[in-house]
Amino acid sequence: ILIGAHTQTHPDLAEMLKSEPSRVASEIIASKREIESRLDVPVHF
């Protein structure tokens, strides 16, 4: 089974981009890195 990222906390990213733009990249990147660290594989999707 391929494992992909779905952010850290499942926020509405478009709305977050308006209200808390600094958090958006963190939600995206941290989710990717957590899976990669746990499974030792790159996450592409």
All heavy atoms as atom14 arrays in JSON, in Angstrom:
{
  "sequence": "ILIGAHTQTHPDLAEMLKSEPSRVASEIIASKREIESRLDVPVHF",
  "atom14_mask": [
    [1, 1, 1, 1, 1, 1, 1, 1, 0, 0, 0, 0, 0, 0],
    [1, 1, 1, 1, 1, 1, 1, 1, 0, 0, 0, 0, 0, 0],
    [1, 1, 1, 1, 1, 1, 1, 1, 0, 0, 0, 0, 0, 0],
    [1, 1, 1, 1, 0, 0, 0, 0, 0, 0, 0, 0, 0, 0],
    [1, 1, 1, 1, 1, 0, 0, 0, 0, 0, 0, 0, 0, 0],
    [1, 1, 1, 1, 1, 1, 1, 1, 1, 1, 0, 0, 0, 0],
    [1, 1, 1, 1, 1, 1, 1, 0, 0, 0, 0, 0, 0, 0],
    [1, 1, 1, 1, 1, 1, 1, 1, 1, 0, 0, 0, 0, 0],
    [1, 1, 1, 1, 1, 1, 1, 0, 0, 0, 0, 0, 0, 0],
    [1, 1, 1, 1, 1, 1, 1, 1, 1, 1, 0, 0, 0, 0],
    [1, 1, 1, 1, 1, 1, 1, 0, 0, 0, 0, 0, 0, 0],
    [1, 1, 1, 1, 1, 1, 1, 1, 0, 0, 0, 0, 0, 0],
    [1, 1, 1, 1, 1, 1, 1, 1, 0, 0, 0, 0, 0, 0],
    [1, 1, 1, 1, 1, 0, 0, 0, 0, 0, 0, 0, 0, 0],
    [1, 1, 1, 1, 1, 1, 1, 1, 1, 0, 0, 0, 0, 0],
    [1, 1, 1, 1, 1, 1, 1, 1, 0, 0, 0, 0, 0, 0],
    [1, 1, 1, 1, 1, 1, 1, 1, 0, 0, 0, 0, 0, 0],
    [1, 1, 1, 1, 1, 1, 1, 1, 1, 0, 0, 0, 0, 0],
    [1, 1, 1, 1, 1, 1, 0, 0, 0, 0, 0, 0, 0, 0],
    [1, 1, 1, 1, 1, 1, 1, 1, 1, 0, 0, 0, 0, 0],
    [1, 1, 1, 1, 1, 1, 1, 0, 0, 0, 0, 0, 0, 0],
    [1, 1, 1, 1, 1, 1, 0, 0, 0, 0, 0, 0, 0, 0],
    [1, 1, 1, 1, 1, 1, 1, 1, 1, 1, 1, 0, 0, 0],
    [1, 1, 1, 1, 1, 1, 1, 0, 0, 0, 0, 0, 0, 0],
    [1, 1, 1, 1, 1, 0, 0, 0, 0, 0, 0, 0, 0, 0],
    [1, 1, 1, 1, 1, 1, 0, 0, 0, 0, 0, 0, 0, 0],
    [1, 1, 1, 1, 1, 1, 1, 1, 1, 0, 0, 0, 0, 0],
    [1, 1, 1, 1, 1, 1, 1, 1, 0, 0, 0, 0, 0, 0],
    [1, 1, 1, 1, 1, 1, 1, 1, 0, 0, 0, 0, 0, 0],
    [1, 1, 1, 1, 1, 0, 0, 0, 0, 0, 0, 0, 0, 0],
    [1, 1, 1, 1, 1, 1, 0, 0, 0, 0, 0, 0, 0, 0],
    [1, 1, 1, 1, 1, 1, 1, 1, 1, 0, 0, 0, 0, 0],
    [1, 1, 1, 1, 1, 1, 1, 1, 1, 1, 1, 0, 0, 0],
    [1, 1, 1, 1, 1, 1, 1, 1, 1, 0, 0, 0, 0, 0],
    [1, 1, 1, 1, 1, 1, 1, 1, 0, 0, 0, 0, 0, 0],
    [1, 1, 1, 1, 1, 1, 1, 1, 1, 0, 0, 0, 0, 0],
    [1, 1, 1, 1, 1, 1, 0, 0, 0, 0, 0, 0, 0, 0],
    [1, 1, 1, 1, 1, 1, 1, 1, 1, 1, 1, 0, 0, 0],
    [1, 1, 1, 1, 1, 1, 1, 1, 0, 0, 0, 0, 0, 0],
    [1, 1, 1, 1, 1, 1, 1, 1, 0, 0, 0, 0, 0, 0],
    [1, 1, 1, 1, 1, 1, 1, 0, 0, 0, 0, 0, 0, 0],
    [1, 1, 1, 1, 1, 1, 1, 0, 0, 0, 0, 0, 0, 0],
    [1, 1, 1, 1, 1, 1, 1, 0, 0, 0, 0, 0, 0, 0],
    [1, 1, 1, 1, 1, 1, 1, 1, 1, 1, 0, 0, 0, 0],
    [1, 1, 1, 1, 1, 1, 1, 1, 1, 1, 1, 0, 0, 0]
  ],
  "atom14_positions": [
    [[0.85, -1.19, 0.0], [0.0, 0.0, 0.0], [0.88, 1.24, 0.0], [1.81, 1.35, 0.81], [-0.93, 0.01, 1.23], [-1.84, -1.22, 1.23], [-1.75, 1.29, 1.27], [-2.75, -1.35, 0.03], [0.0, 0.0, 0.0], [0.0, 0.0, 0.0], [0.0, 0.0, 0.0], [0.0, 0.0, 0.0], [0.0, 0.0, 0.0], [0.0, 0.0, 0.0]],
    [[0.62, 2.15, -0.94], [1.38, 3.41, -1.0], [0.81, 4.38, 0.03], [-0.41, 4.56, 0.11], [1.29, 4.0, -2.4], [2.1, 5.28, -2.64], [3.59, 4.99, -2.65], [1.68, 5.95, -3.94], [0.0, 0.0, 0.0], [0.0, 0.0, 0.0], [0.0, 0.0, 0.0], [0.0, 0.0, 0.0], [0.0, 0.0, 0.0], [0.0, 0.0, 0.0]],
    [[1.68, 5.0, 0.81], [1.27, 5.95, 1.83], [1.59, 7.37, 1.37], [2.73, 7.67, 0.99], [1.97, 5.66, 3.18], [1.74, 4.2, 3.6], [1.45, 6.62, 4.25], [0.29, 3.8, 3.79], [0.0, 0.0, 0.0], [0.0, 0.0, 0.0], [0.0, 0.0, 0.0], [0.0, 0.0, 0.0], [0.0, 0.0, 0.0], [0.0, 0.0, 0.0]],
    [[0.58, 8.22, 1.39], [0.75, 9.62, 1.0], [0.41, 10.55, 2.14], [-0.13, 10.15, 3.18], [0.0, 0.0, 0.0], [0.0, 0.0, 0.0], [0.0, 0.0, 0.0], [0.0, 0.0, 0.0], [0.0, 0.0, 0.0], [0.0, 0.0, 0.0], [0.0, 0.0, 0.0], [0.0, 0.0, 0.0], [0.0, 0.0, 0.0], [0.0, 0.0, 0.0]],
    [[0.69, 11.82, 1.96], [0.47, 12.84, 2.98], [-0.9, 13.49, 2.84], [-1.43, 13.62, 1.73], [1.57, 13.9, 2.91], [0.0, 0.0, 0.0], [0.0, 0.0, 0.0], [0.0, 0.0, 0.0], [0.0, 0.0, 0.0], [0.0, 0.0, 0.0], [0.0, 0.0, 0.0], [0.0, 0.0, 0.0], [0.0, 0.0, 0.0], [0.0, 0.0, 0.0]],
    [[-1.45, 13.9, 3.98], [-2.76, 14.57, 4.0], [-2.73, 15.7, 5.03], [-3.72, 15.94, 5.73], [-3.83, 13.53, 4.36], [-5.23, 13.89, 3.97], [-5.54, 14.61, 2.83], [-6.43, 13.59, 4.57], [-6.85, 14.74, 2.75], [-7.42, 14.14, 3.79], [0.0, 0.0, 0.0], [0.0, 0.0, 0.0], [0.0, 0.0, 0.0], [0.0, 0.0, 0.0]],
    [[-1.55, 16.36, 5.11], [-1.22, 17.39, 6.1], [-1.07, 16.77, 7.49], [-1.18, 15.57, 7.65], [-2.25, 18.55, 6.15], [-3.47, 18.1, 6.74], [-2.49, 19.12, 4.77], [0.0, 0.0, 0.0], [0.0, 0.0, 0.0], [0.0, 0.0, 0.0], [0.0, 0.0, 0.0], [0.0, 0.0, 0.0], [0.0, 0.0, 0.0], [0.0, 0.0, 0.0]],
    [[-0.82, 17.64, 8.47], [-0.7, 17.16, 9.85], [-2.06, 17.05, 10.53], [-2.37, 16.03, 11.14], [0.16, 18.12, 10.67], [1.64, 18.12, 10.34], [2.38, 19.15, 11.16], [2.23, 20.35, 10.95], [3.15, 18.7, 12.13], [0.0, 0.0, 0.0], [0.0, 0.0, 0.0], [0.0, 0.0, 0.0], [0.0, 0.0, 0.0], [0.0, 0.0, 0.0]],
    [[-2.88, 18.11, 10.42], [-4.1, 18.2, 11.24], [-5.38, 18.3, 10.43], [-6.44, 18.59, 10.98], [-4.01, 19.41, 12.18], [-3.93, 20.62, 11.41], [-2.78, 19.31, 13.08], [0.0, 0.0, 0.0], [0.0, 0.0, 0.0], [0.0, 0.0, 0.0], [0.0, 0.0, 0.0], [0.0, 0.0, 0.0], [0.0, 0.0, 0.0], [0.0, 0.0, 0.0]],
    [[-5.31, 18.09, 9.1], [-6.47, 18.11, 8.22], [-7.18, 19.47, 8.19], [-8.42, 19.54, 8.28], [-7.45, 17.0, 8.62], [-8.36, 16.57, 7.5], [-9.41, 17.35, 7.05], [-8.39, 15.45, 6.76], [-10.05, 16.73, 6.07], [-9.43, 15.56, 5.87], [0.0, 0.0, 0.0], [0.0, 0.0, 0.0], [0.0, 0.0, 0.0], [0.0, 0.0, 0.0]],
    [[-6.47, 20.57, 8.03], [-7.14, 21.87, 7.93], [-7.59, 22.16, 6.5], [-7.15, 21.51, 5.55], [-6.04, 22.85, 8.35], [-4.8, 22.21, 7.8], [-5.0, 20.71, 7.98], [0.0, 0.0, 0.0], [0.0, 0.0, 0.0], [0.0, 0.0, 0.0], [0.0, 0.0, 0.0], [0.0, 0.0, 0.0], [0.0, 0.0, 0.0], [0.0, 0.0, 0.0]],
    [[-8.44, 23.14, 6.36], [-8.78, 23.69, 5.04], [-7.62, 24.61, 4.65], [-7.5, 25.72, 5.14], [-10.09, 24.47, 5.12], [-10.56, 24.99, 3.77], [-9.7, 25.44, 2.97], [-11.77, 24.97, 3.52], [0.0, 0.0, 0.0], [0.0, 0.0, 0.0], [0.0, 0.0, 0.0], [0.0, 0.0, 0.0], [0.0, 0.0, 0.0], [0.0, 0.0, 0.0]],
    [[-6.76, 24.13, 3.78], [-5.52, 24.87, 3.48], [-5.78, 26.21, 2.8], [-5.05, 27.18, 3.04], [-4.61, 24.01, 2.61], [-4.0, 22.78, 3.27], [-3.2, 21.97, 2.26], [-3.11, 23.17, 4.44], [0.0, 0.0, 0.0], [0.0, 0.0, 0.0], [0.0, 0.0, 0.0], [0.0, 0.0, 0.0], [0.0, 0.0, 0.0], [0.0, 0.0, 0.0]],
    [[-6.79, 26.28, 1.95], [-7.09, 27.55, 1.28], [-7.52, 28.6, 2.29], [-7.12, 29.78, 2.2], [-8.15, 27.35, 0.2], [0.0, 0.0, 0.0], [0.0, 0.0, 0.0], [0.0, 0.0, 0.0], [0.0, 0.0, 0.0], [0.0, 0.0, 0.0], [0.0, 0.0, 0.0], [0.0, 0.0, 0.0], [0.0, 0.0, 0.0], [0.0, 0.0, 0.0]],
    [[-8.33, 28.2, 3.27], [-8.74, 29.14, 4.31], [-7.57, 29.5, 5.22], [-7.4, 30.65, 5.61], [-9.89, 28.55, 5.13], [-11.22, 28.5, 4.4], [-11.69, 29.89, 3.98], [-11.62, 30.81, 4.81], [-12.12, 30.03, 2.82], [0.0, 0.0, 0.0], [0.0, 0.0, 0.0], [0.0, 0.0, 0.0], [0.0, 0.0, 0.0], [0.0, 0.0, 0.0]],
    [[-6.74, 28.51, 5.53], [-5.59, 28.76, 6.38], [-4.61, 29.71, 5.71], [-3.95, 30.52, 6.38], [-4.88, 27.43, 6.72], [-3.68, 27.58, 7.61], [-2.93, 26.0, 8.07], [-4.04, 25.5, 9.38], [0.0, 0.0, 0.0], [0.0, 0.0, 0.0], [0.0, 0.0, 0.0], [0.0, 0.0, 0.0], [0.0, 0.0, 0.0], [0.0, 0.0, 0.0]],
    [[-4.52, 29.63, 4.39], [-3.62, 30.51, 3.66], [-4.01, 31.98, 3.84], [-3.16, 32.87, 3.81], [-3.62, 30.14, 2.17], [-2.45, 30.61, 1.32], [-1.11, 30.1, 1.85], [-2.64, 30.16, -0.13], [0.0, 0.0, 0.0], [0.0, 0.0, 0.0], [0.0, 0.0, 0.0], [0.0, 0.0, 0.0], [0.0, 0.0, 0.0], [0.0, 0.0, 0.0]],
    [[-5.3, 32.22, 4.06], [-5.78, 33.59, 4.28], [-5.53, 34.05, 5.72], [-5.19, 35.21, 5.95], [-7.28, 33.67, 4.0], [-7.7, 33.31, 2.59], [-9.21, 33.29, 2.48], [-9.69, 32.79, 1.14], [-11.17, 32.68, 1.08], [0.0, 0.0, 0.0], [0.0, 0.0, 0.0], [0.0, 0.0, 0.0], [0.0, 0.0, 0.0], [0.0, 0.0, 0.0]],
    [[-5.72, 33.13, 6.67], [-5.68, 33.53, 8.09], [-4.35, 33.25, 8.79], [-3.93, 34.01, 9.65], [-6.81, 32.83, 8.85], [-6.67, 31.42, 8.74], [0.0, 0.0, 0.0], [0.0, 0.0, 0.0], [0.0, 0.0, 0.0], [0.0, 0.0, 0.0], [0.0, 0.0, 0.0], [0.0, 0.0, 0.0], [0.0, 0.0, 0.0], [0.0, 0.0, 0.0]],
    [[-3.71, 32.13, 8.43], [-2.45, 31.74, 9.06], [-1.48, 31.23, 8.0], [-1.11, 30.05, 7.99], [-2.67, 30.65, 10.1], [-3.59, 31.02, 11.24], [-3.79, 29.86, 12.19], [-2.98, 29.73, 13.14], [-4.74, 29.08, 11.98], [0.0, 0.0, 0.0], [0.0, 0.0, 0.0], [0.0, 0.0, 0.0], [0.0, 0.0, 0.0], [0.0, 0.0, 0.0]],
    [[-1.05, 32.08, 7.09], [-0.23, 31.62, 5.96], [1.07, 30.95, 6.38], [1.55, 30.05, 5.69], [0.04, 32.91, 5.17], [-0.22, 34.03, 6.13], [-1.3, 33.54, 7.03], [0.0, 0.0, 0.0], [0.0, 0.0, 0.0], [0.0, 0.0, 0.0], [0.0, 0.0, 0.0], [0.0, 0.0, 0.0], [0.0, 0.0, 0.0], [0.0, 0.0, 0.0]],
    [[1.62, 31.34, 7.52], [2.89, 30.74, 7.94], [2.74, 29.27, 8.32], [3.72, 28.52, 8.31], [3.46, 31.52, 9.13], [2.58, 31.47, 10.24], [0.0, 0.0, 0.0], [0.0, 0.0, 0.0], [0.0, 0.0, 0.0], [0.0, 0.0, 0.0], [0.0, 0.0, 0.0], [0.0, 0.0, 0.0], [0.0, 0.0, 0.0], [0.0, 0.0, 0.0]],
    [[1.53, 28.84, 8.66], [1.3, 27.46, 9.07], [1.13, 26.5, 7.89], [1.29, 25.29, 8.04], [0.06, 27.35, 9.95], [0.27, 27.74, 11.41], [-0.95, 27.37, 12.22], [-1.29, 25.94, 12.11], [-2.47, 25.43, 12.45], [-3.42, 26.22, 12.91], [-2.69, 24.14, 12.34], [0.0, 0.0, 0.0], [0.0, 0.0, 0.0], [0.0, 0.0, 0.0]],
    [[0.78, 27.04, 6.73], [0.41, 26.18, 5.61], [1.57, 25.31, 5.16], [1.44, 24.08, 5.03], [-0.14, 27.01, 4.44], [-0.41, 26.12, 3.24], [-1.42, 27.73, 4.86], [0.0, 0.0, 0.0], [0.0, 0.0, 0.0], [0.0, 0.0, 0.0], [0.0, 0.0, 0.0], [0.0, 0.0, 0.0], [0.0, 0.0, 0.0], [0.0, 0.0, 0.0]],
    [[2.72, 25.92, 4.9], [3.88, 25.14, 4.45], [4.28, 24.12, 5.5], [4.66, 22.99, 5.16], [5.05, 26.08, 4.14], [0.0, 0.0, 0.0], [0.0, 0.0, 0.0], [0.0, 0.0, 0.0], [0.0, 0.0, 0.0], [0.0, 0.0, 0.0], [0.0, 0.0, 0.0], [0.0, 0.0, 0.0], [0.0, 0.0, 0.0], [0.0, 0.0, 0.0]],
    [[4.16, 24.48, 6.77], [4.51, 23.55, 7.85], [3.59, 22.34, 7.84], [4.04, 21.2, 8.0], [4.42, 24.26, 9.2], [4.64, 23.36, 10.26], [0.0, 0.0, 0.0], [0.0, 0.0, 0.0], [0.0, 0.0, 0.0], [0.0, 0.0, 0.0], [0.0, 0.0, 0.0], [0.0, 0.0, 0.0], [0.0, 0.0, 0.0], [0.0, 0.0, 0.0]],
    [[2.29, 22.55, 7.64], [1.33, 21.45, 7.58], [1.69, 20.48, 6.45], [1.59, 19.26, 6.61], [-0.09, 21.99, 7.34], [-0.75, 22.57, 8.56], [-1.43, 21.52, 9.43], [-1.54, 20.36, 8.99], [-1.85, 21.86, 10.54], [0.0, 0.0, 0.0], [0.0, 0.0, 0.0], [0.0, 0.0, 0.0], [0.0, 0.0, 0.0], [0.0, 0.0, 0.0]],
    [[2.09, 21.02, 5.33], [2.4, 20.2, 4.15], [3.73, 19.47, 4.34], [3.81, 18.25, 4.16], [2.45, 21.09, 2.89], [1.05, 21.66, 2.6], [2.98, 20.32, 1.69], [1.04, 22.76, 1.56], [0.0, 0.0, 0.0], [0.0, 0.0, 0.0], [0.0, 0.0, 0.0], [0.0, 0.0, 0.0], [0.0, 0.0, 0.0], [0.0, 0.0, 0.0]],
    [[4.76, 20.2, 4.71], [6.11, 19.63, 4.78], [6.25, 18.64, 5.94], [6.83, 17.57, 5.79], [7.15, 20.76, 4.9], [7.17, 21.6, 3.62], [8.54, 20.18, 5.17], [7.95, 22.9, 3.75], [0.0, 0.0, 0.0], [0.0, 0.0, 0.0], [0.0, 0.0, 0.0], [0.0, 0.0, 0.0], [0.0, 0.0, 0.0], [0.0, 0.0, 0.0]],
    [[5.7, 19.0, 7.11], [5.86, 18.14, 8.28], [5.17, 16.79, 8.09], [5.66, 15.75, 8.54], [5.33, 18.84, 9.53], [0.0, 0.0, 0.0], [0.0, 0.0, 0.0], [0.0, 0.0, 0.0], [0.0, 0.0, 0.0], [0.0, 0.0, 0.0], [0.0, 0.0, 0.0], [0.0, 0.0, 0.0], [0.0, 0.0, 0.0], [0.0, 0.0, 0.0]],
    [[4.03, 16.8, 7.41], [3.33, 15.54, 7.13], [4.18, 14.63, 6.26], [4.33, 13.44, 6.52], [1.99, 15.84, 6.44], [1.31, 14.67, 6.09], [0.0, 0.0, 0.0], [0.0, 0.0, 0.0], [0.0, 0.0, 0.0], [0.0, 0.0, 0.0], [0.0, 0.0, 0.0], [0.0, 0.0, 0.0], [0.0, 0.0, 0.0], [0.0, 0.0, 0.0]],
    [[4.76, 15.21, 5.24], [5.65, 14.45, 4.33], [6.83, 13.87, 5.1], [7.15, 12.67, 4.98], [6.13, 15.38, 3.21], [7.01, 14.74, 2.15], [7.39, 15.8, 1.1], [7.98, 15.18, -0.16], [9.27, 14.52, 0.05], [0.0, 0.0, 0.0], [0.0, 0.0, 0.0], [0.0, 0.0, 0.0], [0.0, 0.0, 0.0], [0.0, 0.0, 0.0]],
    [[7.47, 14.7, 5.89], [8.68, 14.27, 6.61], [8.38, 13.2, 7.66], [9.19, 12.29, 7.87], [9.36, 15.48, 7.24], [10.02, 16.4, 6.22], [10.63, 17.61, 6.88], [11.33, 18.46, 5.9], [11.77, 19.68, 6.16], [11.61, 20.19, 7.39], [12.39, 20.37, 5.23], [0.0, 0.0, 0.0], [0.0, 0.0, 0.0], [0.0, 0.0, 0.0]],
    [[7.22, 13.3, 8.31], [6.87, 12.31, 9.32], [6.72, 10.92, 8.69], [7.24, 9.93, 9.22], [5.56, 12.72, 10.01], [5.01, 11.7, 10.99], [5.77, 11.66, 12.32], [6.7, 12.44, 12.5], [5.4, 10.82, 13.16], [0.0, 0.0, 0.0], [0.0, 0.0, 0.0], [0.0, 0.0, 0.0], [0.0, 0.0, 0.0], [0.0, 0.0, 0.0]],
    [[6.04, 10.85, 7.57], [5.86, 9.56, 6.9], [7.19, 9.03, 6.41], [7.5, 7.83, 6.56], [4.85, 9.68, 5.75], [3.49, 10.14, 6.27], [4.71, 8.34, 5.01], [2.54, 10.58, 5.17], [0.0, 0.0, 0.0], [0.0, 0.0, 0.0], [0.0, 0.0, 0.0], [0.0, 0.0, 0.0], [0.0, 0.0, 0.0], [0.0, 0.0, 0.0]],
    [[7.99, 9.9, 5.82], [9.3, 9.46, 5.32], [10.18, 8.93, 6.45], [10.89, 7.94, 6.28], [9.98, 10.63, 4.6], [9.31, 10.98, 3.28], [9.9, 12.2, 2.61], [10.53, 13.04, 3.31], [9.75, 12.34, 1.38], [0.0, 0.0, 0.0], [0.0, 0.0, 0.0], [0.0, 0.0, 0.0], [0.0, 0.0, 0.0], [0.0, 0.0, 0.0]],
    [[10.11, 9.58, 7.6], [10.9, 9.15, 8.75], [10.42, 7.8, 9.27], [11.22, 6.93, 9.6], [10.82, 10.2, 9.86], [11.45, 9.75, 11.03], [0.0, 0.0, 0.0], [0.0, 0.0, 0.0], [0.0, 0.0, 0.0], [0.0, 0.0, 0.0], [0.0, 0.0, 0.0], [0.0, 0.0, 0.0], [0.0, 0.0, 0.0], [0.0, 0.0, 0.0]],
    [[9.1, 7.62, 9.33], [8.53, 6.38, 9.86], [8.76, 5.19, 8.94], [9.03, 4.08, 9.4], [7.03, 6.55, 10.07], [6.66, 7.57, 11.13], [6.75, 6.99, 12.51], [6.29, 7.95, 13.53], [6.18, 7.66, 14.81], [6.47, 6.44, 15.25], [5.78, 8.58, 15.66], [0.0, 0.0, 0.0], [0.0, 0.0, 0.0], [0.0, 0.0, 0.0]],
    [[8.62, 5.41, 7.64], [8.66, 4.3, 6.68], [9.98, 4.2, 5.92], [10.2, 3.21, 5.21], [7.51, 4.44, 5.68], [6.09, 4.51, 6.27], [5.07, 4.6, 5.15], [5.82, 3.33, 7.18], [0.0, 0.0, 0.0], [0.0, 0.0, 0.0], [0.0, 0.0, 0.0], [0.0, 0.0, 0.0], [0.0, 0.0, 0.0], [0.0, 0.0, 0.0]],
    [[10.82, 5.2, 6.05], [12.11, 5.22, 5.36], [11.95, 5.1, 3.84], [12.67, 4.36, 3.17], [13.03, 4.11, 5.88], [14.48, 4.3, 5.46], [14.88, 5.47, 5.26], [15.21, 3.31, 5.33], [0.0, 0.0, 0.0], [0.0, 0.0, 0.0], [0.0, 0.0, 0.0], [0.0, 0.0, 0.0], [0.0, 0.0, 0.0], [0.0, 0.0, 0.0]],
    [[10.97, 5.83, 3.3], [10.75, 5.9, 1.85], [10.37, 7.34, 1.5], [9.82, 8.06, 2.33], [9.61, 4.96, 1.39], [10.01, 3.5, 1.53], [8.31, 5.26, 2.11], [0.0, 0.0, 0.0], [0.0, 0.0, 0.0], [0.0, 0.0, 0.0], [0.0, 0.0, 0.0], [0.0, 0.0, 0.0], [0.0, 0.0, 0.0], [0.0, 0.0, 0.0]],
    [[10.65, 7.78, 0.27], [10.21, 9.1, -0.13], [8.7, 9.14, -0.3], [8.08, 8.16, -0.7], [10.93, 9.34, -1.46], [11.21, 7.97, -1.99], [11.45, 7.11, -0.78], [0.0, 0.0, 0.0], [0.0, 0.0, 0.0], [0.0, 0.0, 0.0], [0.0, 0.0, 0.0], [0.0, 0.0, 0.0], [0.0, 0.0, 0.0], [0.0, 0.0, 0.0]],
    [[8.1, 10.28, 0.02], [6.66, 10.48, -0.16], [6.47, 11.48, -1.29], [6.9, 12.63, -1.2], [6.01, 10.99, 1.14], [4.55, 11.37, 0.91], [6.11, 9.92, 2.23], [0.0, 0.0, 0.0], [0.0, 0.0, 0.0], [0.0, 0.0, 0.0], [0.0, 0.0, 0.0], [0.0, 0.0, 0.0], [0.0, 0.0, 0.0], [0.0, 0.0, 0.0]],
    [[5.82, 11.03, -2.36], [5.71, 11.84, -3.57], [4.33, 12.44, -3.8], [4.18, 13.3, -4.66], [6.08, 11.01, -4.8], [7.52, 10.63, -4.86], [7.97, 9.44, -5.4], [8.63, 11.3, -4.45], [9.28, 9.39, -5.33], [9.71, 10.5, -4.76], [0.0, 0.0, 0.0], [0.0, 0.0, 0.0], [0.0, 0.0, 0.0], [0.0, 0.0, 0.0]],
    [[3.32, 11.99, -3.03], [1.96, 12.43, -3.32], [1.22, 12.84, -2.04], [1.48, 12.32, -0.96], [1.17, 11.31, -4.01], [1.7, 10.99, -5.39], [2.63, 9.99, -5.56], [1.29, 11.73, -6.48], [3.15, 9.72, -6.82], [1.8, 11.47, -7.74], [2.73, 10.46, -7.92], [0.0, 0.0, 0.0], [0.0, 0.0, 0.0], [0.0, 0.0, 0.0]]
  ]
}
